[in-house]
Amino acid sequence: MEKHVKLISVMWIVYGGLGLLWAFIVFATLIGVSFIPDISEEAIYILRSVGVFVSVIIGIFALPEVIGGIGLLKKKEWARILVLVLCFLNLIAIPLGTALSIYSFIILFKDETVALFKAK
């Protein structure tokens, strides 16, 4: 069971890292577009505001995934609970989030896994 927990940990770290990468790409794209010459002042303000706002929102959702994955690697009970909450929230993120969430639910609810986290 320890191998499955380690695999889930790495997958949550990678999934959260991809979310953080996506936040950076959105930020860089929208801020970059705002530097196009001959663009109105309103468009510059809107592009930069939306870029910052959307990037922060994506980052707020991606950062706990990385933190939960690191906590799972260290076999912390709080991380197991955090990842279970994230699993529930990511069920609508078809297809990767759904698949990762279902796999995590199956592994993290097993009695062996609960005992593994209680022992640490």
PDB file of N, CA and C in Angstrom:
ATOM      1  N   MET A   1       0.820  -1.190   0.000  1.00  0.00           N
ATOM      2  CA  MET A   1       0.000   0.000   0.000  1.00  0.00           C
ATOM      3  C   MET A   1       0.869   1.261   0.000  1.00  0.00           C
ATOM      4  N   GLU A   2       2.057   1.150   0.551  1.00  0.00           N
ATOM      5  CA  GLU A   2       2.941   2.309   0.626  1.00  0.00           C
ATOM      6  C   GLU A   2       3.346   2.797  -0.766  1.00  0.00           C
ATOM      7  N   LYS A   3       3.479   1.861  -1.709  1.00  0.00           N
ATOM      8  CA  LYS A   3       3.819   2.248  -3.078  1.00  0.00           C
ATOM      9  C   LYS A   3       2.697   3.066  -3.712  1.00  0.00           C
ATOM     10  N   HIS A   4       1.456   2.678  -3.440  1.00  0.00           N
ATOM     11  CA  HIS A   4       0.319   3.412  -3.984  1.00  0.00           C
ATOM     12  C   HIS A   4       0.254   4.823  -3.400  1.00  0.00           C
ATOM     13  N   VAL A   5       0.508   4.946  -2.121  1.00  0.00           N
ATOM     14  CA  VAL A   5       0.482   6.265  -1.481  1.00  0.00           C
ATOM     15  C   VAL A   5       1.586   7.151  -2.059  1.00  0.00           C
ATOM     16  N   LYS A   6       2.750   6.572  -2.275  1.00  0.00           N
ATOM     17  CA  LYS A   6       3.851   7.333  -2.858  1.00  0.00           C
ATOM     18  C   LYS A   6       3.506   7.769  -4.284  1.00  0.00           C
ATOM     19  N   LEU A   7       2.884   6.868  -5.039  1.00  0.00           N
ATOM     20  CA  LEU A   7       2.479   7.197  -6.401  1.00  0.00           C
ATOM     21  C   LEU A   7       1.436   8.313  -6.411  1.00  0.00           C
ATOM     22  N   ILE A   8       0.454   8.229  -5.528  1.00  0.00           N
ATOM     23  CA  ILE A   8      -0.561   9.270  -5.428  1.00  0.00           C
ATOM     24  C   ILE A   8       0.084  10.601  -5.041  1.00  0.00           C
ATOM     25  N   SER A   9       1.037  10.549  -4.126  1.00  0.00           N
ATOM     26  CA  SER A   9       1.730  11.774  -3.698  1.00  0.00           C
ATOM     27  C   SER A   9       2.394  12.466  -4.875  1.00  0.00           C
ATOM     28  N   VAL A  10       3.132  11.695  -5.641  1.00  0.00           N
ATOM     29  CA  VAL A  10       3.844  12.263  -6.787  1.00  0.00           C
ATOM     30  C   VAL A  10       2.849  12.785  -7.820  1.00  0.00           C
ATOM     31  N   MET A  11       1.764  12.060  -8.033  1.00  0.00           N
ATOM     32  CA  MET A  11       0.782  12.502  -9.018  1.00  0.00           C
ATOM     33  C   MET A  11       0.095  13.800  -8.589  1.00  0.00           C
ATOM     34  N   TRP A  12      -0.187  13.963  -7.295  1.00  0.00           N
ATOM     35  CA  TRP A  12      -0.787  15.217  -6.826  1.00  0.00           C
ATOM     36  C   TRP A  12       0.194  16.371  -6.930  1.00  0.00           C
ATOM     37  N   ILE A  13       1.473  16.114  -6.666  1.00  0.00           N
ATOM     38  CA  ILE A  13       2.480  17.168  -6.810  1.00  0.00           C
ATOM     39  C   ILE A  13       2.584  17.600  -8.267  1.00  0.00           C
ATOM     40  N   VAL A  14       2.609  16.634  -9.174  1.00  0.00           N
ATOM     41  CA  VAL A  14       2.699  16.950 -10.603  1.00  0.00           C
ATOM     42  C   VAL A  14       1.435  17.665 -11.073  1.00  0.00           C
ATOM     43  N   TYR A  15       0.277  17.182 -10.637  1.00  0.00           N
ATOM     44  CA  TYR A  15      -0.998  17.799 -11.035  1.00  0.00           C
ATOM     45  C   TYR A  15      -1.073  19.250 -10.532  1.00  0.00           C
ATOM     46  N   GLY A  16      -0.674  19.481  -9.302  1.00  0.00           N
ATOM     47  CA  GLY A  16      -0.643  20.842  -8.770  1.00  0.00           C
ATOM     48  C   GLY A  16       0.398  21.699  -9.470  1.00  0.00           C
ATOM     49  N   GLY A  17       1.533  21.100  -9.788  1.00  0.00           N
ATOM     50  CA  GLY A  17       2.571  21.821 -10.528  1.00  0.00           C
ATOM     51  C   GLY A  17       2.100  22.237 -11.909  1.00  0.00           C
ATOM     52  N   LEU A  18       1.333  21.374 -12.559  1.00  0.00           N
ATOM     53  CA  LEU A  18       0.764  21.729 -13.857  1.00  0.00           C
ATOM     54  C   LEU A  18      -0.225  22.889 -13.715  1.00  0.00           C
ATOM     55  N   GLY A  19      -0.972  22.895 -12.624  1.00  0.00           N
ATOM     56  CA  GLY A  19      -1.878  24.004 -12.360  1.00  0.00           C
ATOM     57  C   GLY A  19      -1.126  25.309 -12.157  1.00  0.00           C
ATOM     58  N   LEU A  20      -0.022  25.260 -11.422  1.00  0.00           N
ATOM     59  CA  LEU A  20       0.795  26.458 -11.216  1.00  0.00           C
ATOM     60  C   LEU A  20       1.427  26.919 -12.534  1.00  0.00           C
ATOM     61  N   LEU A  21       1.843  25.960 -13.356  1.00  0.00           N
ATOM     62  CA  LEU A  21       2.381  26.296 -14.676  1.00  0.00           C
ATOM     63  C   LEU A  21       1.304  26.962 -15.530  1.00  0.00           C
ATOM     64  N   TRP A  22       0.094  26.434 -15.483  1.00  0.00           N
ATOM     65  CA  TRP A  22      -1.009  27.008 -16.228  1.00  0.00           C
ATOM     66  C   TRP A  22      -1.284  28.445 -15.754  1.00  0.00           C
ATOM     67  N   ALA A  23      -1.226  28.675 -14.447  1.00  0.00           N
ATOM     68  CA  ALA A  23      -1.432  30.023 -13.903  1.00  0.00           C
ATOM     69  C   ALA A  23      -0.373  30.981 -14.456  1.00  0.00           C
ATOM     70  N   PHE A  24       0.870  30.521 -14.513  1.00  0.00           N
ATOM     71  CA  PHE A  24       1.937  31.365 -15.042  1.00  0.00           C
ATOM     72  C   PHE A  24       1.729  31.657 -16.526  1.00  0.00           C
ATOM     73  N   ILE A  25       1.303  30.647 -17.297  1.00  0.00           N
ATOM     74  CA  ILE A  25       1.082  30.838 -18.731  1.00  0.00           C
ATOM     75  C   ILE A  25      -0.031  31.852 -18.976  1.00  0.00           C
ATOM     76  N   VAL A  26      -1.126  31.737 -18.232  1.00  0.00           N
ATOM     77  CA  VAL A  26      -2.232  32.691 -18.366  1.00  0.00           C
ATOM     78  C   VAL A  26      -1.750  34.099 -18.023  1.00  0.00           C
ATOM     79  N   PHE A  27      -1.016  34.212 -16.926  1.00  0.00           N
ATOM     80  CA  PHE A  27      -0.492  35.515 -16.507  1.00  0.00           C
ATOM     81  C   PHE A  27       0.413  36.112 -17.587  1.00  0.00           C
ATOM     82  N   ALA A  28       1.376  35.328 -18.040  1.00  0.00           N
ATOM     83  CA  ALA A  28       2.341  35.827 -19.027  1.00  0.00           C
ATOM     84  C   ALA A  28       1.660  36.191 -20.343  1.00  0.00           C
ATOM     85  N   THR A  29       0.691  35.401 -20.754  1.00  0.00           N
ATOM     86  CA  THR A  29       0.003  35.672 -22.016  1.00  0.00           C
ATOM     87  C   THR A  29      -0.801  36.962 -21.946  1.00  0.00           C
ATOM     88  N   LEU A  30      -1.615  37.099 -20.909  1.00  0.00           N
ATOM     89  CA  LEU A  30      -2.470  38.286 -20.825  1.00  0.00           C
ATOM     90  C   LEU A  30      -1.661  39.557 -20.562  1.00  0.00           C
ATOM     91  N   ILE A  31      -0.632  39.458 -19.740  1.00  0.00           N
ATOM     92  CA  ILE A  31       0.219  40.628 -19.519  1.00  0.00           C
ATOM     93  C   ILE A  31       0.983  40.960 -20.797  1.00  0.00           C
ATOM     94  N   GLY A  32       1.467  39.935 -21.485  1.00  0.00           N
ATOM     95  CA  GLY A  32       2.194  40.158 -22.737  1.00  0.00           C
ATOM     96  C   GLY A  32       1.330  40.806 -23.805  1.00  0.00           C
ATOM     97  N   VAL A  33       0.089  40.366 -23.914  1.00  0.00           N
ATOM     98  CA  VAL A  33      -0.821  40.949 -24.902  1.00  0.00           C
ATOM     99  C   VAL A  33      -1.093  42.417 -24.581  1.00  0.00           C
ATOM    100  N   SER A  34      -1.040  42.773 -23.316  1.00  0.00           N
ATOM    101  CA  SER A  34      -1.325  44.166 -22.952  1.00  0.00           C
ATOM    102  C   SER A  34      -0.238  45.130 -23.431  1.00  0.00           C
ATOM    103  N   PHE A  35       0.892  44.620 -23.879  1.00  0.00           N
ATOM    104  CA  PHE A  35       1.972  45.471 -24.374  1.00  0.00           C
ATOM    105  C   PHE A  35       1.934  45.661 -25.888  1.00  0.00           C
ATOM    106  N   ILE A  36       0.881  45.191 -26.545  1.00  0.00           N
ATOM    107  CA  ILE A  36       0.749  45.394 -27.984  1.00  0.00           C
ATOM    108  C   ILE A  36       0.618  46.892 -28.256  1.00  0.00           C
ATOM    109  N   PRO A  37       1.363  47.390 -29.241  1.00  0.00           N
ATOM    110  CA  PRO A  37       1.262  48.829 -29.537  1.00  0.00           C
ATOM    111  C   PRO A  37      -0.134  49.197 -30.059  1.00  0.00           C
ATOM    112  N   ASP A  38      -0.503  50.427 -29.890  1.00  0.00           N
ATOM    113  CA  ASP A  38      -1.776  50.970 -30.372  1.00  0.00           C
ATOM    114  C   ASP A  38      -2.990  50.291 -29.746  1.00  0.00           C
ATOM    115  N   ILE A  39      -2.876  49.867 -28.499  1.00  0.00           N
ATOM    116  CA  ILE A  39      -4.010  49.273 -27.788  1.00  0.00           C
ATOM    117  C   ILE A  39      -4.533  50.322 -26.812  1.00  0.00           C
ATOM    118  N   SER A  40      -5.812  50.355 -26.631  1.00  0.00           N
ATOM    119  CA  SER A  40      -6.408  51.405 -25.793  1.00  0.00           C
ATOM    120  C   SER A  40      -6.047  51.217 -24.322  1.00  0.00           C
ATOM    121  N   GLU A  41      -6.142  52.284 -23.576  1.00  0.00           N
ATOM    122  CA  GLU A  41      -5.836  52.253 -22.140  1.00  0.00           C
ATOM    123  C   GLU A  41      -6.782  51.322 -21.389  1.00  0.00           C
ATOM    124  N   GLU A  42      -8.057  51.301 -21.791  1.00  0.00           N
ATOM    125  CA  GLU A  42      -9.029  50.419 -21.129  1.00  0.00           C
ATOM    126  C   GLU A  42      -8.669  48.954 -21.340  1.00  0.00           C
ATOM    127  N   ALA A  43      -8.237  48.632 -22.557  1.00  0.00           N
ATOM    128  CA  ALA A  43      -7.862  47.249 -22.855  1.00  0.00           C
ATOM    129  C   ALA A  43      -6.642  46.830 -22.041  1.00  0.00           C
ATOM    130  N   ILE A  44      -5.692  47.722 -21.895  1.00  0.00           N
ATOM    131  CA  ILE A  44      -4.499  47.415 -21.091  1.00  0.00           C
ATOM    132  C   ILE A  44      -4.901  47.130 -19.651  1.00  0.00           C
ATOM    133  N   TYR A  45      -5.747  47.987 -19.098  1.00  0.00           N
ATOM    134  CA  TYR A  45      -6.196  47.810 -17.720  1.00  0.00           C
ATOM    135  C   TYR A  45      -6.962  46.495 -17.556  1.00  0.00           C
ATOM    136  N   ILE A  46      -7.854  46.199 -18.481  1.00  0.00           N
ATOM    137  CA  ILE A  46      -8.664  44.970 -18.401  1.00  0.00           C
ATOM    138  C   ILE A  46      -7.783  43.731 -18.543  1.00  0.00           C
ATOM    139  N   LEU A  47      -6.887  43.717 -19.524  1.00  0.00           N
ATOM    140  CA  LEU A  47      -6.023  42.553 -19.731  1.00  0.00           C
ATOM    141  C   LEU A  47      -5.145  42.274 -18.514  1.00  0.00           C
ATOM    142  N   ARG A  48      -4.563  43.318 -17.967  1.00  0.00           N
ATOM    143  CA  ARG A  48      -3.686  43.124 -16.807  1.00  0.00           C
ATOM    144  C   ARG A  48      -4.483  42.707 -15.573  1.00  0.00           C
ATOM    145  N   SER A  49      -5.644  43.290 -15.376  1.00  0.00           N
ATOM    146  CA  SER A  49      -6.481  42.921 -14.224  1.00  0.00           C
ATOM    147  C   SER A  49      -6.955  41.479 -14.329  1.00  0.00           C
ATOM    148  N   VAL A  50      -7.433  41.110 -15.497  1.00  0.00           N
ATOM    149  CA  VAL A  50      -7.905  39.732 -15.693  1.00  0.00           C
ATOM    150  C   VAL A  50      -6.740  38.752 -15.565  1.00  0.00           C
ATOM    151  N   GLY A  51      -5.584  39.113 -16.109  1.00  0.00           N
ATOM    152  CA  GLY A  51      -4.413  38.239 -16.016  1.00  0.00           C
ATOM    153  C   GLY A  51      -4.019  37.962 -14.575  1.00  0.00           C
ATOM    154  N   VAL A  52      -3.970  39.002 -13.772  1.00  0.00           N
ATOM    155  CA  VAL A  52      -3.603  38.831 -12.365  1.00  0.00           C
ATOM    156  C   VAL A  52      -4.685  38.055 -11.623  1.00  0.00           C
ATOM    157  N   PHE A  53      -5.944  38.430 -11.824  1.00  0.00           N
ATOM    158  CA  PHE A  53      -7.044  37.789 -11.105  1.00  0.00           C
ATOM    159  C   PHE A  53      -7.144  36.296 -11.425  1.00  0.00           C
ATOM    160  N   VAL A  54      -7.141  35.955 -12.700  1.00  0.00           N
ATOM    161  CA  VAL A  54      -7.276  34.549 -13.102  1.00  0.00           C
ATOM    162  C   VAL A  54      -6.069  33.742 -12.636  1.00  0.00           C
ATOM    163  N   SER A  55      -4.885  34.288 -12.747  1.00  0.00           N
ATOM    164  CA  SER A  55      -3.677  33.578 -12.311  1.00  0.00           C
ATOM    165  C   SER A  55      -3.696  33.312 -10.811  1.00  0.00           C
ATOM    166  N   VAL A  56      -4.128  34.291 -10.038  1.00  0.00           N
ATOM    167  CA  VAL A  56      -4.201  34.100  -8.588  1.00  0.00           C
ATOM    168  C   VAL A  56      -5.227  33.029  -8.237  1.00  0.00           C
ATOM    169  N   ILE A  57      -6.379  33.044  -8.897  1.00  0.00           N
ATOM    170  CA  ILE A  57      -7.412  32.036  -8.625  1.00  0.00           C
ATOM    171  C   ILE A  57      -6.904  30.635  -8.967  1.00  0.00           C
ATOM    172  N   ILE A  58      -6.281  30.491 -10.125  1.00  0.00           N
ATOM    173  CA  ILE A  58      -5.738  29.177 -10.511  1.00  0.00           C
ATOM    174  C   ILE A  58      -4.669  28.748  -9.515  1.00  0.00           C
ATOM    175  N   GLY A  59      -3.821  29.665  -9.112  1.00  0.00           N
ATOM    176  CA  GLY A  59      -2.769  29.352  -8.142  1.00  0.00           C
ATOM    177  C   GLY A  59      -3.321  28.956  -6.790  1.00  0.00           C
ATOM    178  N   ILE A  60      -4.415  29.610  -6.366  1.00  0.00           N
ATOM    179  CA  ILE A  60      -5.035  29.274  -5.081  1.00  0.00           C
ATOM    180  C   ILE A  60      -5.561  27.841  -5.087  1.00  0.00           C
ATOM    181  N   PHE A  61      -6.047  27.390  -6.235  1.00  0.00           N
ATOM    182  CA  PHE A  61      -6.539  26.018  -6.315  1.00  0.00           C
ATOM    183  C   PHE A  61      -5.422  25.001  -6.532  1.00  0.00           C
ATOM    184  N   ALA A  62      -4.310  25.407  -7.147  1.00  0.00           N
ATOM    185  CA  ALA A  62      -3.225  24.470  -7.451  1.00  0.00           C
ATOM    186  C   ALA A  62      -2.252  24.285  -6.292  1.00  0.00           C
ATOM    187  N   LEU A  63      -2.023  25.318  -5.513  1.00  0.00           N
ATOM    188  CA  LEU A  63      -1.042  25.233  -4.432  1.00  0.00           C
ATOM    189  C   LEU A  63      -1.391  24.180  -3.374  1.00  0.00           C
ATOM    190  N   PRO A  64      -2.654  24.058  -2.941  1.00  0.00           N
ATOM    191  CA  PRO A  64      -2.966  23.001  -1.969  1.00  0.00           C
ATOM    192  C   PRO A  64      -2.728  21.588  -2.506  1.00  0.00           C
ATOM    193  N   GLU A  65      -2.815  21.417  -3.808  1.00  0.00           N
ATOM    194  CA  GLU A  65      -2.541  20.103  -4.390  1.00  0.00           C
ATOM    195  C   GLU A  65      -1.073  19.738  -4.211  1.00  0.00           C
ATOM    196  N   VAL A  66      -0.192  20.697  -4.416  1.00  0.00           N
ATOM    197  CA  VAL A  66       1.241  20.455  -4.209  1.00  0.00           C
ATOM    198  C   VAL A  66       1.521  20.212  -2.725  1.00  0.00           C
ATOM    199  N   ILE A  67       0.933  21.032  -1.866  1.00  0.00           N
ATOM    200  CA  ILE A  67       1.138  20.887  -0.418  1.00  0.00           C
ATOM    201  C   ILE A  67       0.612  19.536   0.064  1.00  0.00           C
ATOM    202  N   GLY A  68      -0.557  19.139  -0.418  1.00  0.00           N
ATOM    203  CA  GLY A  68      -1.124  17.841  -0.040  1.00  0.00           C
ATOM    204  C   GLY A  68      -0.261  16.687  -0.509  1.00  0.00           C
ATOM    205  N   GLY A  69       0.283  16.787  -1.712  1.00  0.00           N
ATOM    206  CA  GLY A  69       1.162  15.730  -2.218  1.00  0.00           C
ATOM    207  C   GLY A  69       2.439  15.605  -1.398  1.00  0.00           C
ATOM    208  N   ILE A  70       3.010  16.734  -1.013  1.00  0.00           N
ATOM    209  CA  ILE A  70       4.218  16.702  -0.180  1.00  0.00           C
ATOM    210  C   ILE A  70       3.897  16.121   1.193  1.00  0.00           C
ATOM    211  N   GLY A  71       2.744  16.505   1.750  1.00  0.00           N
ATOM    212  CA  GLY A  71       2.330  15.959   3.040  1.00  0.00           C
ATOM    213  C   GLY A  71       2.092  14.454   2.977  1.00  0.00           C
ATOM    214  N   LEU A  72       1.535  13.979   1.866  1.00  0.00           N
ATOM    215  CA  LEU A  72       1.335  12.536   1.715  1.00  0.00           C
ATOM    216  C   LEU A  72       2.675  11.799   1.666  1.00  0.00           C
ATOM    217  N   LEU A  73       3.651  12.399   1.010  1.00  0.00           N
ATOM    218  CA  LEU A  73       4.976  11.773   0.970  1.00  0.00           C
ATOM    219  C   LEU A  73       5.550  11.605   2.377  1.00  0.00           C
ATOM    220  N   LYS A  74       5.221  12.553   3.254  1.00  0.00           N
ATOM    221  CA  LYS A  74       5.724  12.500   4.628  1.00  0.00           C
ATOM    222  C   LYS A  74       4.782  11.753   5.566  1.00  0.00           C
ATOM    223  N   LYS A  75       3.718  11.173   4.987  1.00  0.00           N
ATOM    224  CA  LYS A  75       2.741  10.358   5.734  1.00  0.00           C
ATOM    225  C   LYS A  75       2.069  11.138   6.876  1.00  0.00           C
ATOM    226  N   LYS A  76       1.623  12.341   6.577  1.00  0.00           N
ATOM    227  CA  LYS A  76       0.923  13.171   7.556  1.00  0.00           C
ATOM    228  C   LYS A  76      -0.585  12.954   7.412  1.00  0.00           C
ATOM    229  N   GLU A  77      -1.266  12.804   8.543  1.00  0.00           N
ATOM    230  CA  GLU A  77      -2.718  12.567   8.525  1.00  0.00           C
ATOM    231  C   GLU A  77      -3.466  13.771   7.960  1.00  0.00           C
ATOM    232  N   TRP A  78      -3.025  14.979   8.266  1.00  0.00           N
ATOM    233  CA  TRP A  78      -3.693  16.167   7.742  1.00  0.00           C
ATOM    234  C   TRP A  78      -3.639  16.200   6.220  1.00  0.00           C
ATOM    235  N   ALA A  79      -2.559  15.681   5.659  1.00  0.00           N
ATOM    236  CA  ALA A  79      -2.416  15.665   4.199  1.00  0.00           C
ATOM    237  C   ALA A  79      -3.396  14.680   3.580  1.00  0.00           C
ATOM    238  N   ARG A  80      -3.631  13.553   4.254  1.00  0.00           N
ATOM    239  CA  ARG A  80      -4.605  12.586   3.742  1.00  0.00           C
ATOM    240  C   ARG A  80      -5.993  13.217   3.694  1.00  0.00           C
ATOM    241  N   ILE A  81      -6.349  13.960   4.745  1.00  0.00           N
ATOM    242  CA  ILE A  81      -7.646  14.628   4.787  1.00  0.00           C
ATOM    243  C   ILE A  81      -7.714  15.717   3.708  1.00  0.00           C
ATOM    244  N   LEU A  82      -6.643  16.501   3.571  1.00  0.00           N
ATOM    245  CA  LEU A  82      -6.598  17.553   2.558  1.00  0.00           C
ATOM    246  C   LEU A  82      -6.769  16.973   1.164  1.00  0.00           C
ATOM    247  N   VAL A  83      -6.068  15.895   0.873  1.00  0.00           N
ATOM    248  CA  VAL A  83      -6.153  15.292  -0.454  1.00  0.00           C
ATOM    249  C   VAL A  83      -7.547  14.712  -0.694  1.00  0.00           C
ATOM    250  N   LEU A  84      -8.177  14.170   0.332  1.00  0.00           N
ATOM    251  CA  LEU A  84      -9.545  13.676   0.157  1.00  0.00           C
ATOM    252  C   LEU A  84     -10.502  14.823  -0.173  1.00  0.00           C
ATOM    253  N   VAL A  85     -10.322  15.969   0.452  1.00  0.00           N
ATOM    254  CA  VAL A  85     -11.146  17.134   0.120  1.00  0.00           C
ATOM    255  C   VAL A  85     -10.861  17.589  -1.313  1.00  0.00           C
ATOM    256  N   LEU A  86      -9.579  17.615  -1.684  1.00  0.00           N
ATOM    257  CA  LEU A  86      -9.213  17.994  -3.048  1.00  0.00           C
ATOM    258  C   LEU A  86      -9.757  17.005  -4.070  1.00  0.00           C
ATOM    259  N   CYS A  87      -9.800  15.725  -3.694  1.00  0.00           N
ATOM    260  CA  CYS A  87     -10.375  14.705  -4.580  1.00  0.00           C
ATOM    261  C   CYS A  87     -11.831  15.030  -4.884  1.00  0.00           C
ATOM    262  N   PHE A  88     -12.564  15.373  -3.857  1.00  0.00           N
ATOM    263  CA  PHE A  88     -13.973  15.706  -4.037  1.00  0.00           C
ATOM    264  C   PHE A  88     -14.125  16.919  -4.961  1.00  0.00           C
ATOM    265  N   LEU A  89     -13.290  17.936  -4.761  1.00  0.00           N
ATOM    266  CA  LEU A  89     -13.379  19.144  -5.573  1.00  0.00           C
ATOM    267  C   LEU A  89     -12.930  18.912  -7.020  1.00  0.00           C
ATOM    268  N   ASN A  90     -12.023  17.970  -7.228  1.00  0.00           N
ATOM    269  CA  ASN A  90     -11.474  17.727  -8.564  1.00  0.00           C
ATOM    270  C   ASN A  90     -12.239  16.688  -9.361  1.00  0.00           C
ATOM    271  N   LEU A  91     -13.312  16.163  -8.823  1.00  0.00           N
ATOM    272  CA  LEU A  91     -14.092  15.189  -9.577  1.00  0.00           C
ATOM    273  C   LEU A  91     -14.652  15.778 -10.868  1.00  0.00           C
ATOM    274  N   ILE A  92     -14.891  17.078 -10.897  1.00  0.00           N
ATOM    275  CA  ILE A  92     -15.438  17.701 -12.106  1.00  0.00           C
ATOM    276  C   ILE A  92     -14.362  18.087 -13.119  1.00  0.00           C
ATOM    277  N   ALA A  93     -13.098  17.904 -12.780  1.00  0.00           N
ATOM    278  CA  ALA A  93     -11.993  18.255 -13.678  1.00  0.00           C
ATOM    279  C   ALA A  93     -11.707  17.077 -14.607  1.00  0.00           C
ATOM    280  N   ILE A  94     -12.577  16.905 -15.585  1.00  0.00           N
ATOM    281  CA  ILE A  94     -12.502  15.773 -16.502  1.00  0.00           C
ATOM    282  C   ILE A  94     -11.356  15.999 -17.474  1.00  0.00           C
ATOM    283  N   PRO A  95     -10.563  15.031 -17.817  1.00  0.00           N
ATOM    284  CA  PRO A  95     -10.468  13.646 -17.417  1.00  0.00           C
ATOM    285  C   PRO A  95      -9.421  13.398 -16.326  1.00  0.00           C
ATOM    286  N   LEU A  96      -8.361  14.239 -16.291  1.00  0.00           N
ATOM    287  CA  LEU A  96      -7.248  13.958 -15.376  1.00  0.00           C
ATOM    288  C   LEU A  96      -7.647  14.068 -13.910  1.00  0.00           C
ATOM    289  N   GLY A  97      -8.331  15.139 -13.555  1.00  0.00           N
ATOM    290  CA  GLY A  97      -8.733  15.333 -12.168  1.00  0.00           C
ATOM    291  C   GLY A  97      -9.673  14.241 -11.688  1.00  0.00           C
ATOM    292  N   THR A  98     -10.577  13.821 -12.551  1.00  0.00           N
ATOM    293  CA  THR A  98     -11.518  12.758 -12.189  1.00  0.00           C
ATOM    294  C   THR A  98     -10.786  11.444 -11.958  1.00  0.00           C
ATOM    295  N   ALA A  99      -9.900  11.090 -12.876  1.00  0.00           N
ATOM    296  CA  ALA A  99      -9.167   9.825 -12.744  1.00  0.00           C
ATOM    297  C   ALA A  99      -8.280   9.830 -11.495  1.00  0.00           C
ATOM    298  N   LEU A 100      -7.564  10.907 -11.283  1.00  0.00           N
ATOM    299  CA  LEU A 100      -6.701  11.005 -10.106  1.00  0.00           C
ATOM    300  C   LEU A 100      -7.514  10.973  -8.826  1.00  0.00           C
ATOM    301  N   SER A 101      -8.661  11.637  -8.824  1.00  0.00           N
ATOM    302  CA  SER A 101      -9.512  11.671  -7.633  1.00  0.00           C
ATOM    303  C   SER A 101     -10.073  10.300  -7.300  1.00  0.00           C
ATOM    304  N   ILE A 102     -10.547   9.583  -8.302  1.00  0.00           N
ATOM    305  CA  ILE A 102     -11.109   8.246  -8.057  1.00  0.00           C
ATOM    306  C   ILE A 102     -10.027   7.312  -7.535  1.00  0.00           C
ATOM    307  N   TYR A 103      -8.857   7.340  -8.153  1.00  0.00           N
ATOM    308  CA  TYR A 103      -7.752   6.488  -7.697  1.00  0.00           C
ATOM    309  C   TYR A 103      -7.353   6.844  -6.261  1.00  0.00           C
ATOM    310  N   SER A 104      -7.312   8.143  -5.972  1.00  0.00           N
ATOM    311  CA  SER A 104      -6.945   8.577  -4.624  1.00  0.00           C
ATOM    312  C   SER A 104      -7.998   8.156  -3.604  1.00  0.00           C
ATOM    313  N   PHE A 105      -9.281   8.282  -3.966  1.00  0.00           N
ATOM    314  CA  PHE A 105     -10.348   7.835  -3.068  1.00  0.00           C
ATOM    315  C   PHE A 105     -10.183   6.352  -2.732  1.00  0.00           C
ATOM    316  N   ILE A 106      -9.951   5.548  -3.762  1.00  0.00           N
ATOM    317  CA  ILE A 106      -9.842   4.096  -3.559  1.00  0.00           C
ATOM    318  C   ILE A 106      -8.691   3.774  -2.614  1.00  0.00           C
ATOM    319  N   ILE A 107      -7.552   4.387  -2.815  1.00  0.00           N
ATOM    320  CA  ILE A 107      -6.375   4.074  -2.005  1.00  0.00           C
ATOM    321  C   ILE A 107      -6.466   4.689  -0.610  1.00  0.00           C
ATOM    322  N   LEU A 108      -6.859   5.947  -0.504  1.00  0.00           N
ATOM    323  CA  LEU A 108      -6.801   6.635   0.787  1.00  0.00           C
ATOM    324  C   LEU A 108      -7.905   6.225   1.754  1.00  0.00           C
ATOM    325  N   PHE A 109      -8.947   5.568   1.284  1.00  0.00           N
ATOM    326  CA  PHE A 109     -10.006   5.101   2.179  1.00  0.00           C
ATOM    327  C   PHE A 109      -9.778   3.661   2.660  1.00  0.00           C
ATOM    328  N   LYS A 110      -8.792   2.969   2.114  1.00  0.00           N
ATOM    329  CA  LYS A 110      -8.526   1.593   2.552  1.00  0.00           C
ATOM    330  C   LYS A 110      -8.024   1.583   3.991  1.00  0.00           C
ATOM    331  N   ASP A 111      -8.406   0.535   4.717  1.00  0.00           N
ATOM    332  CA  ASP A 111      -8.011   0.416   6.120  1.00  0.00           C
ATOM    333  C   ASP A 111      -6.492   0.363   6.290  1.00  0.00           C
ATOM    334  N   GLU A 112      -5.813  -0.289   5.345  1.00  0.00           N
ATOM    335  CA  GLU A 112      -4.348  -0.377   5.410  1.00  0.00           C
ATOM    336  C   GLU A 112      -3.710   1.016   5.339  1.00  0.00           C
ATOM    337  N   THR A 113      -4.247   1.850   4.472  1.00  0.00           N
ATOM    338  CA  THR A 113      -3.712   3.204   4.306  1.00  0.00           C
ATOM    339  C   THR A 113      -3.984   4.052   5.536  1.00  0.00           C
ATOM    340  N   VAL A 114      -5.201   3.931   6.077  1.00  0.00           N
ATOM    341  CA  VAL A 114      -5.527   4.695   7.288  1.00  0.00           C
ATOM    342  C   VAL A 114      -4.596   4.286   8.417  1.00  0.00           C
ATOM    343  N   ALA A 115      -4.340   2.995   8.547  1.00  0.00           N
ATOM    344  CA  ALA A 115      -3.433   2.505   9.583  1.00  0.00           C
ATOM    345  C   ALA A 115      -2.001   3.007   9.338  1.00  0.00           C
ATOM    346  N   LEU A 116      -1.608   3.085   8.072  1.00  0.00           N
ATOM    347  CA  LEU A 116      -0.271   3.561   7.738  1.00  0.00           C
ATOM    348  C   LEU A 116      -0.090   5.014   8.191  1.00  0.00           C
ATOM    349  N   PHE A 117      -1.118   5.825   8.017  1.00  0.00           N
ATOM    350  CA  PHE A 117      -1.026   7.221   8.413  1.00  0.00           C
ATOM    351  C   PHE A 117      -1.172   7.408   9.922  1.00  0.00           C
ATOM    352  N   LYS A 118      -1.915   6.539  10.570  1.00  0.00           N
ATOM    353  CA  LYS A 118      -2.068   6.614  12.027  1.00  0.00           C
ATOM    354  C   LYS A 118      -0.779   6.204  12.730  1.00  0.00           C
ATOM    355  N   ALA A 119      -0.027   5.295  12.097  1.00  0.00           N
ATOM    356  CA  ALA A 119       1.188   4.779  12.731  1.00  0.00           C
ATOM    357  C   ALA A 119       2.298   5.833  12.766  1.00  0.00           C
ATOM    358  N   LYS A 120       2.263   6.793  11.873  1.00  0.00           N
ATOM    359  CA  LYS A 120       3.342   7.787  11.806  1.00  0.00           C
ATOM    360  C   LYS A 120       3.124   8.913  12.772  1.00  0.00           C
TER     361      LYS A 120
END
